[in-house]
Amino acid sequence: MTDSLGFIGLGLMGSAIASRLQSRHPLVVWNRTRAATASLAQAGAEVADSAAEVFDRCSTVFVMITDESAVDEVLAPGDLRQKTLVQMSTVPPAYSVALAARVTAAGGRYVEAPVSGSRQPALNGALIGMLAGRPDAIDDVAPLLDPVCALIALCGEPPRAMQMKLAVNTFLITLVTGLAESFHFAETHELDVQLLEQILGAGPMASFVSRAKAAAIVAGDFAPQAAIPDVAKNARLVVEAARENGNTATLMEACLSLYAEAEGLGHGADDMAAVITAFRARTGRRRS
């Protein structure tokens, strides 16, 4: 056992968060694609040969991977006794509850820890963390996230943090989708999109997100901060959770269709701002 933190999952967000954690703590990392560990290894992280090795060597392990099946896969060989699992992946709330019970039954502690923000805020240590779990586990984990989060919100017991994350995503996804539709409206009416960007950026609706995504749309620069497939997955989780609870999710159902279409148009490696391509394709079909 070492004093190192474990980190499993080095995608767009995971690698950024791990780099912030490494600024204060030694890390043992693992990723299914080993090439993704290179930059962290160069900065001093130790690279494990398996997810099980991370659990063997670390008492606190952060996990940020694609979905619940991926979480099950990395946990299958791991010994969770006297371990704290910090689960940062966005997963269905019901799955998170079941996972909390599974970790507790194995003699470990479970902290649900989704975050709000994309890659650049992660690199800047400006994410919003939402934590749920036992108070003693929260007390231990929250300080570890100081280099990562500008604010940590305590949400109660699982799945309250995951549900809060989905509520946040509802606003984020509809915001960016509405912004894309606004620029598509301007395009189709032959308006000056740079002028629209200036107006929106100076107005009362402006935010870090709206300015960044507007600039991406105008420049046609869809380098991923929050990738289309991840946004589509999160939209699906919102819609499914809403249906299970019997509440409407009218806007998110529309967003889910649009992000799925954008991915189908070949934008699976692009930022969520590329959802504008789905609007363009729909207009093109209507006019043809």
C-alpha atoms as a PDB file:
ATOM      1  CA  MET A   1       0.000   0.000   0.000  1.00  0.00           C
ATOM      2  CA  THR A   2       1.232   3.499  -0.865  1.00  0.00           C
ATOM      3  CA  ASP A   3      -0.020   7.013  -0.216  1.00  0.00           C
ATOM      4  CA  SER A   4      -0.662   7.357  -3.940  1.00  0.00           C
ATOM      5  CA  LEU A   5      -4.101   7.994  -5.353  1.00  0.00           C
ATOM      6  CA  GLY A   6      -5.364   5.660  -8.029  1.00  0.00           C
ATOM      7  CA  PHE A   7      -6.966   6.963 -11.206  1.00  0.00           C
ATOM      8  CA  ILE A   8      -8.664   4.760 -13.789  1.00  0.00           C
ATOM      9  CA  GLY A   9      -9.900   6.254 -17.063  1.00  0.00           C
ATOM     10  CA  LEU A  10      -7.853   8.846 -18.946  1.00  0.00           C
ATOM     11  CA  GLY A  11     -10.214  10.159 -21.588  1.00  0.00           C
ATOM     12  CA  LEU A  12     -10.787  13.854 -22.310  1.00  0.00           C
ATOM     13  CA  MET A  13     -11.995  14.623 -18.795  1.00  0.00           C
ATOM     14  CA  GLY A  14     -10.191  11.906 -16.874  1.00  0.00           C
ATOM     15  CA  SER A  15      -6.757  12.909 -18.118  1.00  0.00           C
ATOM     16  CA  ALA A  16      -7.385  16.566 -17.253  1.00  0.00           C
ATOM     17  CA  ILE A  17      -8.640  15.742 -13.752  1.00  0.00           C
ATOM     18  CA  ALA A  18      -5.784  13.322 -13.141  1.00  0.00           C
ATOM     19  CA  SER A  19      -3.266  15.997 -14.133  1.00  0.00           C
ATOM     20  CA  ARG A  20      -4.734  18.338 -11.518  1.00  0.00           C
ATOM     21  CA  LEU A  21      -4.685  15.650  -8.819  1.00  0.00           C
ATOM     22  CA  GLN A  22      -1.078  14.894  -9.690  1.00  0.00           C
ATOM     23  CA  SER A  23      -0.129  18.478  -8.873  1.00  0.00           C
ATOM     24  CA  ARG A  24      -0.559  17.558  -5.194  1.00  0.00           C
ATOM     25  CA  HIS A  25      -0.561  13.779  -4.939  1.00  0.00           C
ATOM     26  CA  PRO A  26       1.457  10.904  -6.410  1.00  0.00           C
ATOM     27  CA  LEU A  27      -0.704   8.928  -8.828  1.00  0.00           C
ATOM     28  CA  VAL A  28      -0.979   5.342  -9.986  1.00  0.00           C
ATOM     29  CA  VAL A  29      -2.934   5.345 -13.251  1.00  0.00           C
ATOM     30  CA  TRP A  30      -4.409   2.850 -15.649  1.00  0.00           C
ATOM     31  CA  ASN A  31      -6.226   3.211 -18.939  1.00  0.00           C
ATOM     32  CA  ARG A  32      -7.429   0.572 -21.355  1.00  0.00           C
ATOM     33  CA  THR A  33      -5.407   2.296 -24.097  1.00  0.00           C
ATOM     34  CA  ARG A  34      -1.929   2.575 -22.625  1.00  0.00           C
ATOM     35  CA  ALA A  35      -0.908   5.430 -24.922  1.00  0.00           C
ATOM     36  CA  ALA A  36      -3.263   7.709 -22.982  1.00  0.00           C
ATOM     37  CA  THR A  37      -1.033   7.347 -19.898  1.00  0.00           C
ATOM     38  CA  ALA A  38       2.066   8.785 -21.596  1.00  0.00           C
ATOM     39  CA  SER A  39       1.758  12.447 -20.594  1.00  0.00           C
ATOM     40  CA  LEU A  40       0.971  11.613 -16.971  1.00  0.00           C
ATOM     41  CA  ALA A  41       3.816   9.105 -16.841  1.00  0.00           C
ATOM     42  CA  GLN A  42       6.179  11.745 -18.190  1.00  0.00           C
ATOM     43  CA  ALA A  43       5.014  14.039 -15.372  1.00  0.00           C
ATOM     44  CA  GLY A  44       5.776  11.374 -12.778  1.00  0.00           C
ATOM     45  CA  ALA A  45       2.714   9.138 -12.491  1.00  0.00           C
ATOM     46  CA  GLU A  46       3.228   5.401 -12.163  1.00  0.00           C
ATOM     47  CA  VAL A  47       1.432   3.341 -14.790  1.00  0.00           C
ATOM     48  CA  ALA A  48      -0.202   0.131 -13.603  1.00  0.00           C
ATOM     49  CA  ASP A  49      -0.489  -2.940 -15.793  1.00  0.00           C
ATOM     50  CA  SER A  50      -4.147  -3.479 -14.850  1.00  0.00           C
ATOM     51  CA  ALA A  51      -7.043  -1.910 -13.026  1.00  0.00           C
ATOM     52  CA  ALA A  52      -6.658  -4.568 -10.323  1.00  0.00           C
ATOM     53  CA  GLU A  53      -3.100  -3.383  -9.700  1.00  0.00           C
ATOM     54  CA  VAL A  54      -4.376   0.144  -9.062  1.00  0.00           C
ATOM     55  CA  PHE A  55      -6.675  -1.199  -6.352  1.00  0.00           C
ATOM     56  CA  ASP A  56      -3.889  -3.316  -4.914  1.00  0.00           C
ATOM     57  CA  ARG A  57      -1.587  -0.323  -4.569  1.00  0.00           C
ATOM     58  CA  CYS A  58      -3.983   2.490  -3.585  1.00  0.00           C
ATOM     59  CA  SER A  59      -6.527   2.881  -0.817  1.00  0.00           C
ATOM     60  CA  THR A  60      -8.425   5.609  -2.699  1.00  0.00           C
ATOM     61  CA  VAL A  61      -9.219   5.063  -6.366  1.00  0.00           C
ATOM     62  CA  PHE A  62     -10.910   7.526  -8.731  1.00  0.00           C
ATOM     63  CA  VAL A  63     -12.803   6.033 -11.665  1.00  0.00           C
ATOM     64  CA  MET A  64     -13.937   8.068 -14.673  1.00  0.00           C
ATOM     65  CA  ILE A  65     -14.821   5.833 -17.579  1.00  0.00           C
ATOM     66  CA  THR A  66     -17.428   5.482 -20.272  1.00  0.00           C
ATOM     67  CA  ASP A  67     -20.424   3.789 -18.702  1.00  0.00           C
ATOM     68  CA  GLU A  68     -21.661   1.259 -16.179  1.00  0.00           C
ATOM     69  CA  SER A  69     -20.469  -1.770 -18.134  1.00  0.00           C
ATOM     70  CA  ALA A  70     -16.955  -0.307 -18.196  1.00  0.00           C
ATOM     71  CA  VAL A  71     -17.151   0.329 -14.451  1.00  0.00           C
ATOM     72  CA  ASP A  72     -18.172  -3.288 -13.867  1.00  0.00           C
ATOM     73  CA  GLU A  73     -15.284  -4.453 -16.010  1.00  0.00           C
ATOM     74  CA  VAL A  74     -12.604  -2.567 -14.082  1.00  0.00           C
ATOM     75  CA  LEU A  75     -14.064  -3.466 -10.697  1.00  0.00           C
ATOM     76  CA  ALA A  76     -14.514  -7.174 -11.422  1.00  0.00           C
ATOM     77  CA  PRO A  77     -10.994  -8.271 -10.409  1.00  0.00           C
ATOM     78  CA  GLY A  78     -10.459  -5.580  -7.783  1.00  0.00           C
ATOM     79  CA  ASP A  79     -10.401  -6.146  -4.030  1.00  0.00           C
ATOM     80  CA  LEU A  80     -12.572  -3.391  -2.545  1.00  0.00           C
ATOM     81  CA  ARG A  81     -11.944  -4.156   1.127  1.00  0.00           C
ATOM     82  CA  GLN A  82     -10.838  -1.035   2.988  1.00  0.00           C
ATOM     83  CA  LYS A  83     -10.832   0.899  -0.293  1.00  0.00           C
ATOM     84  CA  THR A  84     -12.565   4.168  -1.103  1.00  0.00           C
ATOM     85  CA  LEU A  85     -14.040   4.172  -4.597  1.00  0.00           C
ATOM     86  CA  VAL A  86     -14.587   7.677  -5.957  1.00  0.00           C
ATOM     87  CA  GLN A  87     -16.960   7.106  -8.851  1.00  0.00           C
ATOM     88  CA  MET A  88     -16.827  10.078 -11.244  1.00  0.00           C
ATOM     89  CA  SER A  89     -18.366   8.432 -14.314  1.00  0.00           C
ATOM     90  CA  THR A  90     -21.827   9.603 -15.348  1.00  0.00           C
ATOM     91  CA  VAL A  91     -24.054   6.540 -14.950  1.00  0.00           C
ATOM     92  CA  PRO A  92     -27.749   5.810 -14.365  1.00  0.00           C
ATOM     93  CA  PRO A  93     -28.754   6.757 -10.803  1.00  0.00           C
ATOM     94  CA  ALA A  94     -30.170   3.284 -10.139  1.00  0.00           C
ATOM     95  CA  TYR A  95     -26.851   1.729 -11.113  1.00  0.00           C
ATOM     96  CA  SER A  96     -25.013   4.072  -8.751  1.00  0.00           C
ATOM     97  CA  VAL A  97     -27.223   2.979  -5.856  1.00  0.00           C
ATOM     98  CA  ALA A  98     -26.538  -0.668  -6.641  1.00  0.00           C
ATOM     99  CA  LEU A  99     -22.809  -0.007  -6.944  1.00  0.00           C
ATOM    100  CA  ALA A 100     -22.759   1.765  -3.575  1.00  0.00           C
ATOM    101  CA  ALA A 101     -24.346  -1.304  -1.997  1.00  0.00           C
ATOM    102  CA  ARG A 102     -21.870  -3.578  -3.756  1.00  0.00           C
ATOM    103  CA  VAL A 103     -18.838  -1.613  -2.577  1.00  0.00           C
ATOM    104  CA  THR A 104     -20.161  -1.405   0.982  1.00  0.00           C
ATOM    105  CA  ALA A 105     -20.864  -5.142   1.058  1.00  0.00           C
ATOM    106  CA  ALA A 106     -17.272  -5.760  -0.038  1.00  0.00           C
ATOM    107  CA  GLY A 107     -15.973  -3.732   2.898  1.00  0.00           C
ATOM    108  CA  GLY A 108     -15.217  -0.536   1.027  1.00  0.00           C
ATOM    109  CA  ARG A 109     -16.515   3.024   0.934  1.00  0.00           C
ATOM    110  CA  TYR A 110     -18.308   4.595  -2.004  1.00  0.00           C
ATOM    111  CA  VAL A 111     -18.351   8.257  -2.982  1.00  0.00           C
ATOM    112  CA  GLU A 112     -20.459   9.359  -5.905  1.00  0.00           C
ATOM    113  CA  ALA A 113     -18.542  12.263  -7.454  1.00  0.00           C
ATOM    114  CA  PRO A 114     -19.748  13.488 -10.858  1.00  0.00           C
ATOM    115  CA  VAL A 115     -18.550  16.922 -11.973  1.00  0.00           C
ATOM    116  CA  SER A 116     -19.942  19.771 -14.012  1.00  0.00           C
ATOM    117  CA  GLY A 117     -17.646  21.304 -16.603  1.00  0.00           C
ATOM    118  CA  SER A 118     -15.670  20.358 -19.674  1.00  0.00           C
ATOM    119  CA  ARG A 119     -11.990  19.732 -20.366  1.00  0.00           C
ATOM    120  CA  GLN A 120     -10.717  23.313 -20.150  1.00  0.00           C
ATOM    121  CA  PRO A 121     -12.339  24.034 -16.771  1.00  0.00           C
ATOM    122  CA  ALA A 122     -10.934  20.704 -15.606  1.00  0.00           C
ATOM    123  CA  LEU A 123      -7.428  21.774 -16.641  1.00  0.00           C
ATOM    124  CA  ASN A 124      -8.000  25.084 -14.847  1.00  0.00           C
ATOM    125  CA  GLY A 125      -9.237  23.435 -11.647  1.00  0.00           C
ATOM    126  CA  ALA A 126     -12.619  25.115 -12.088  1.00  0.00           C
ATOM    127  CA  LEU A 127     -15.017  22.170 -12.118  1.00  0.00           C
ATOM    128  CA  ILE A 128     -18.064  21.899  -9.881  1.00  0.00           C
ATOM    129  CA  GLY A 129     -18.000  18.671  -7.893  1.00  0.00           C
ATOM    130  CA  MET A 130     -21.142  16.971  -6.609  1.00  0.00           C
ATOM    131  CA  LEU A 131     -20.537  14.446  -3.843  1.00  0.00           C
ATOM    132  CA  ALA A 132     -22.771  11.867  -2.215  1.00  0.00           C
ATOM    133  CA  GLY A 133     -21.860   9.147   0.251  1.00  0.00           C
ATOM    134  CA  ARG A 134     -21.083   8.440   3.889  1.00  0.00           C
ATOM    135  CA  PRO A 135     -19.990  11.557   5.807  1.00  0.00           C
ATOM    136  CA  ASP A 136     -16.645  10.023   6.819  1.00  0.00           C
ATOM    137  CA  ALA A 137     -15.843   9.144   3.208  1.00  0.00           C
ATOM    138  CA  ILE A 138     -16.914  12.596   2.009  1.00  0.00           C
ATOM    139  CA  ASP A 139     -14.672  14.205   4.629  1.00  0.00           C
ATOM    140  CA  ASP A 140     -11.704  12.267   3.263  1.00  0.00           C
ATOM    141  CA  VAL A 141     -12.433  12.723  -0.451  1.00  0.00           C
ATOM    142  CA  ALA A 142     -13.537  16.367  -0.617  1.00  0.00           C
ATOM    143  CA  PRO A 143     -10.082  17.819   0.207  1.00  0.00           C
ATOM    144  CA  LEU A 144      -8.508  15.645  -2.481  1.00  0.00           C
ATOM    145  CA  LEU A 145     -10.629  17.460  -5.058  1.00  0.00           C
ATOM    146  CA  ASP A 146      -9.415  20.936  -4.051  1.00  0.00           C
ATOM    147  CA  PRO A 147      -7.049  21.201  -7.049  1.00  0.00           C
ATOM    148  CA  VAL A 148      -9.838  20.065  -9.372  1.00  0.00           C
ATOM    149  CA  CYS A 149     -12.976  21.899  -8.239  1.00  0.00           C
ATOM    150  CA  ALA A 150     -13.866  25.538  -7.651  1.00  0.00           C
ATOM    151  CA  LEU A 151     -16.929  24.407  -5.698  1.00  0.00           C
ATOM    152  CA  ILE A 152     -17.894  21.144  -4.063  1.00  0.00           C
ATOM    153  CA  ALA A 153     -21.602  20.601  -3.427  1.00  0.00           C
ATOM    154  CA  LEU A 154     -22.641  18.004  -0.854  1.00  0.00           C
ATOM    155  CA  CYS A 155     -25.761  16.252  -2.121  1.00  0.00           C
ATOM    156  CA  GLY A 156     -26.518  13.591   0.498  1.00  0.00           C
ATOM    157  CA  GLU A 157     -26.640   9.872  -0.195  1.00  0.00           C
ATOM    158  CA  PRO A 158     -26.309   8.170  -3.601  1.00  0.00           C
ATOM    159  CA  PRO A 159     -27.852   8.729  -6.113  1.00  0.00           C
ATOM    160  CA  ARG A 160     -28.479  12.346  -5.201  1.00  0.00           C
ATOM    161  CA  ALA A 161     -25.190  13.577  -6.708  1.00  0.00           C
ATOM    162  CA  MET A 162     -25.841  11.662  -9.921  1.00  0.00           C
ATOM    163  CA  GLN A 163     -29.371  13.011 -10.137  1.00  0.00           C
ATOM    164  CA  MET A 164     -28.032  16.527  -9.551  1.00  0.00           C
ATOM    165  CA  LYS A 165     -25.502  15.991 -12.339  1.00  0.00           C
ATOM    166  CA  LEU A 166     -28.326  15.053 -14.711  1.00  0.00           C
ATOM    167  CA  ALA A 167     -30.263  18.167 -13.699  1.00  0.00           C
ATOM    168  CA  VAL A 168     -27.186  20.270 -14.468  1.00  0.00           C
ATOM    169  CA  ASN A 169     -26.715  18.484 -17.789  1.00  0.00           C
ATOM    170  CA  THR A 170     -30.307  19.252 -18.730  1.00  0.00           C
ATOM    171  CA  PHE A 171     -29.524  22.964 -18.629  1.00  0.00           C
ATOM    172  CA  LEU A 172     -26.090  22.626 -20.245  1.00  0.00           C
ATOM    173  CA  ILE A 173     -27.249  20.510 -23.170  1.00  0.00           C
ATOM    174  CA  THR A 174     -30.345  22.566 -23.927  1.00  0.00           C
ATOM    175  CA  LEU A 175     -28.247  25.741 -23.649  1.00  0.00           C
ATOM    176  CA  VAL A 176     -25.676  24.643 -26.220  1.00  0.00           C
ATOM    177  CA  THR A 177     -28.316  23.123 -28.490  1.00  0.00           C
ATOM    178  CA  GLY A 178     -30.335  26.340 -28.407  1.00  0.00           C
ATOM    179  CA  LEU A 179     -27.187  28.319 -29.161  1.00  0.00           C
ATOM    180  CA  ALA A 180     -26.479  26.111 -32.176  1.00  0.00           C
ATOM    181  CA  GLU A 181     -30.028  26.602 -33.433  1.00  0.00           C
ATOM    182  CA  SER A 182     -29.630  30.354 -33.020  1.00  0.00           C
ATOM    183  CA  PHE A 183     -26.538  30.352 -35.232  1.00  0.00           C
ATOM    184  CA  HIS A 184     -28.228  28.054 -37.734  1.00  0.00           C
ATOM    185  CA  PHE A 185     -31.151  30.495 -37.942  1.00  0.00           C
ATOM    186  CA  ALA A 186     -28.654  33.297 -38.587  1.00  0.00           C
ATOM    187  CA  GLU A 187     -26.879  31.252 -41.271  1.00  0.00           C
ATOM    188  CA  THR A 188     -30.045  30.410 -43.139  1.00  0.00           C
ATOM    189  CA  HIS A 189     -31.151  34.067 -43.085  1.00  0.00           C
ATOM    190  CA  GLU A 190     -27.709  35.183 -44.297  1.00  0.00           C
ATOM    191  CA  LEU A 191     -27.012  37.195 -41.157  1.00  0.00           C
ATOM    192  CA  ASP A 192     -23.531  38.107 -39.968  1.00  0.00           C
ATOM    193  CA  VAL A 193     -22.713  35.274 -37.548  1.00  0.00           C
ATOM    194  CA  GLN A 194     -19.730  37.161 -36.143  1.00  0.00           C
ATOM    195  CA  LEU A 195     -22.056  40.014 -35.275  1.00  0.00           C
ATOM    196  CA  LEU A 196     -24.429  37.541 -33.619  1.00  0.00           C
ATOM    197  CA  GLU A 197     -21.507  36.194 -31.626  1.00  0.00           C
ATOM    198  CA  GLN A 198     -20.649  39.721 -30.498  1.00  0.00           C
ATOM    199  CA  ILE A 199     -24.242  40.509 -29.499  1.00  0.00           C
ATOM    200  CA  LEU A 200     -24.717  37.294 -27.550  1.00  0.00           C
ATOM    201  CA  GLY A 201     -21.333  37.635 -25.880  1.00  0.00           C
ATOM    202  CA  ALA A 202     -22.160  41.124 -24.602  1.00  0.00           C
ATOM    203  CA  GLY A 203     -25.714  40.381 -23.528  1.00  0.00           C
ATOM    204  CA  PRO A 204     -27.328  39.174 -20.304  1.00  0.00           C
ATOM    205  CA  MET A 205     -27.400  35.526 -21.432  1.00  0.00           C
ATOM    206  CA  ALA A 206     -23.646  35.324 -21.918  1.00  0.00           C
ATOM    207  CA  SER A 207     -21.609  32.762 -19.981  1.00  0.00           C
ATOM    208  CA  PHE A 208     -18.286  30.977 -20.231  1.00  0.00           C
ATOM    209  CA  VAL A 209     -20.068  28.150 -22.036  1.00  0.00           C
ATOM    210  CA  SER A 210     -22.031  30.308 -24.471  1.00  0.00           C
ATOM    211  CA  ARG A 211     -18.983  32.361 -25.426  1.00  0.00           C
ATOM    212  CA  ALA A 212     -16.781  29.305 -25.932  1.00  0.00           C
ATOM    213  CA  LYS A 213     -19.349  27.400 -27.977  1.00  0.00           C
ATOM    214  CA  ALA A 214     -20.311  30.445 -30.046  1.00  0.00           C
ATOM    215  CA  ALA A 215     -16.660  30.982 -30.927  1.00  0.00           C
ATOM    216  CA  ALA A 216     -16.339  27.317 -31.888  1.00  0.00           C
ATOM    217  CA  ILE A 217     -19.393  27.476 -34.146  1.00  0.00           C
ATOM    218  CA  VAL A 218     -18.259  30.671 -35.896  1.00  0.00           C
ATOM    219  CA  ALA A 219     -14.737  29.317 -36.417  1.00  0.00           C
ATOM    220  CA  GLY A 220     -15.942  25.827 -37.324  1.00  0.00           C
ATOM    221  CA  ASP A 221     -13.440  24.566 -34.746  1.00  0.00           C
ATOM    222  CA  PHE A 222     -14.948  21.518 -33.077  1.00  0.00           C
ATOM    223  CA  ALA A 223     -11.892  20.319 -31.151  1.00  0.00           C
ATOM    224  CA  PRO A 224     -13.516  18.334 -28.349  1.00  0.00           C
ATOM    225  CA  GLN A 225     -14.065  19.757 -24.905  1.00  0.00           C
ATOM    226  CA  ALA A 226     -17.220  17.726 -24.350  1.00  0.00           C
ATOM    227  CA  ALA A 227     -17.506  15.197 -27.179  1.00  0.00           C
ATOM    228  CA  ILE A 228     -20.724  14.506 -29.083  1.00  0.00           C
ATOM    229  CA  PRO A 229     -21.023  10.812 -28.006  1.00  0.00           C
ATOM    230  CA  ASP A 230     -20.612  11.733 -24.327  1.00  0.00           C
ATOM    231  CA  VAL A 231     -23.255  14.430 -24.606  1.00  0.00           C
ATOM    232  CA  ALA A 232     -25.607  12.027 -26.390  1.00  0.00           C
ATOM    233  CA  LYS A 233     -25.080   9.491 -23.595  1.00  0.00           C
ATOM    234  CA  ASN A 234     -25.798  12.102 -20.934  1.00  0.00           C
ATOM    235  CA  ALA A 235     -28.921  13.233 -22.781  1.00  0.00           C
ATOM    236  CA  ARG A 236     -30.093   9.627 -22.907  1.00  0.00           C
ATOM    237  CA  LEU A 237     -29.541   9.233 -19.159  1.00  0.00           C
ATOM    238  CA  VAL A 238     -31.610  12.362 -18.494  1.00  0.00           C
ATOM    239  CA  VAL A 239     -34.441  11.151 -20.712  1.00  0.00           C
ATOM    240  CA  GLU A 240     -34.411   7.664 -19.171  1.00  0.00           C
ATOM    241  CA  ALA A 241     -34.368   9.019 -15.612  1.00  0.00           C
ATOM    242  CA  ALA A 242     -37.225  11.382 -16.433  1.00  0.00           C
ATOM    243  CA  ARG A 243     -39.306   8.576 -17.903  1.00  0.00           C
ATOM    244  CA  GLU A 244     -38.667   6.357 -14.882  1.00  0.00           C
ATOM    245  CA  ASN A 245     -39.849   9.191 -12.633  1.00  0.00           C
ATOM    246  CA  GLY A 246     -42.882   9.987 -14.792  1.00  0.00           C
ATOM    247  CA  ASN A 247     -41.824  13.539 -15.622  1.00  0.00           C
ATOM    248  CA  THR A 248     -41.629  15.130 -19.036  1.00  0.00           C
ATOM    249  CA  ALA A 249     -38.296  15.821 -20.741  1.00  0.00           C
ATOM    250  CA  THR A 250     -39.510  17.449 -23.953  1.00  0.00           C
ATOM    251  CA  LEU A 251     -36.420  19.511 -24.744  1.00  0.00           C
ATOM    252  CA  MET A 252     -33.990  16.756 -23.803  1.00  0.00           C
ATOM    253  CA  GLU A 253     -35.773  14.261 -26.051  1.00  0.00           C
ATOM    254  CA  ALA A 254     -35.258  16.679 -28.949  1.00  0.00           C
ATOM    255  CA  CYS A 255     -31.617  17.164 -27.963  1.00  0.00           C
ATOM    256  CA  LEU A 256     -31.032  13.425 -27.783  1.00  0.00           C
ATOM    257  CA  SER A 257     -32.200  13.046 -31.382  1.00  0.00           C
ATOM    258  CA  LEU A 258     -30.011  15.908 -32.583  1.00  0.00           C
ATOM    259  CA  TYR A 259     -26.807  14.666 -30.912  1.00  0.00           C
ATOM    260  CA  ALA A 260     -27.426  11.156 -32.190  1.00  0.00           C
ATOM    261  CA  GLU A 261     -27.832  12.587 -35.687  1.00  0.00           C
ATOM    262  CA  ALA A 262     -24.650  14.645 -35.369  1.00  0.00           C
ATOM    263  CA  GLU A 263     -22.742  11.542 -34.365  1.00  0.00           C
ATOM    264  CA  GLY A 264     -24.248   9.685 -37.304  1.00  0.00           C
ATOM    265  CA  LEU A 265     -23.044  12.455 -39.604  1.00  0.00           C
ATOM    266  CA  GLY A 266     -19.456  11.632 -38.649  1.00  0.00           C
ATOM    267  CA  HIS A 267     -18.903  13.994 -35.733  1.00  0.00           C
ATOM    268  CA  GLY A 268     -18.230  11.366 -33.087  1.00  0.00           C
ATOM    269  CA  ALA A 269     -14.811  12.851 -32.312  1.00  0.00           C
ATOM    270  CA  ASP A 270     -16.038  16.466 -32.248  1.00  0.00           C
ATOM    271  CA  ASP A 271     -17.199  18.851 -29.570  1.00  0.00           C
ATOM    272  CA  MET A 272     -20.866  19.209 -28.712  1.00  0.00           C
ATOM    273  CA  ALA A 273     -20.938  22.500 -30.646  1.00  0.00           C
ATOM    274  CA  ALA A 274     -20.913  20.333 -33.767  1.00  0.00           C
ATOM    275  CA  VAL A 275     -24.590  19.625 -33.084  1.00  0.00           C
ATOM    276  CA  ILE A 276     -25.167  22.513 -35.507  1.00  0.00           C
ATOM    277  CA  THR A 277     -24.425  20.005 -38.276  1.00  0.00           C
ATOM    278  CA  ALA A 278     -27.608  18.139 -37.390  1.00  0.00           C
ATOM    279  CA  PHE A 279     -29.622  21.340 -37.842  1.00  0.00           C
ATOM    280  CA  ARG A 280     -27.928  21.957 -41.192  1.00  0.00           C
ATOM    281  CA  ALA A 281     -28.679  18.421 -42.335  1.00  0.00           C
ATOM    282  CA  ARG A 282     -32.343  18.683 -41.374  1.00  0.00           C
ATOM    283  CA  THR A 283     -32.706  21.984 -43.210  1.00  0.00           C
ATOM    284  CA  GLY A 284     -30.938  20.536 -46.230  1.00  0.00           C
ATOM    285  CA  ARG A 285     -33.352  17.607 -46.351  1.00  0.00           C
ATOM    286  CA  ARG A 286     -36.335  19.902 -45.987  1.00  0.00           C
ATOM    287  CA  ARG A 287     -35.209  22.177 -48.828  1.00  0.00           C
ATOM    288  CA  SER A 288     -34.203  19.407 -51.213  1.00  0.00           C
END
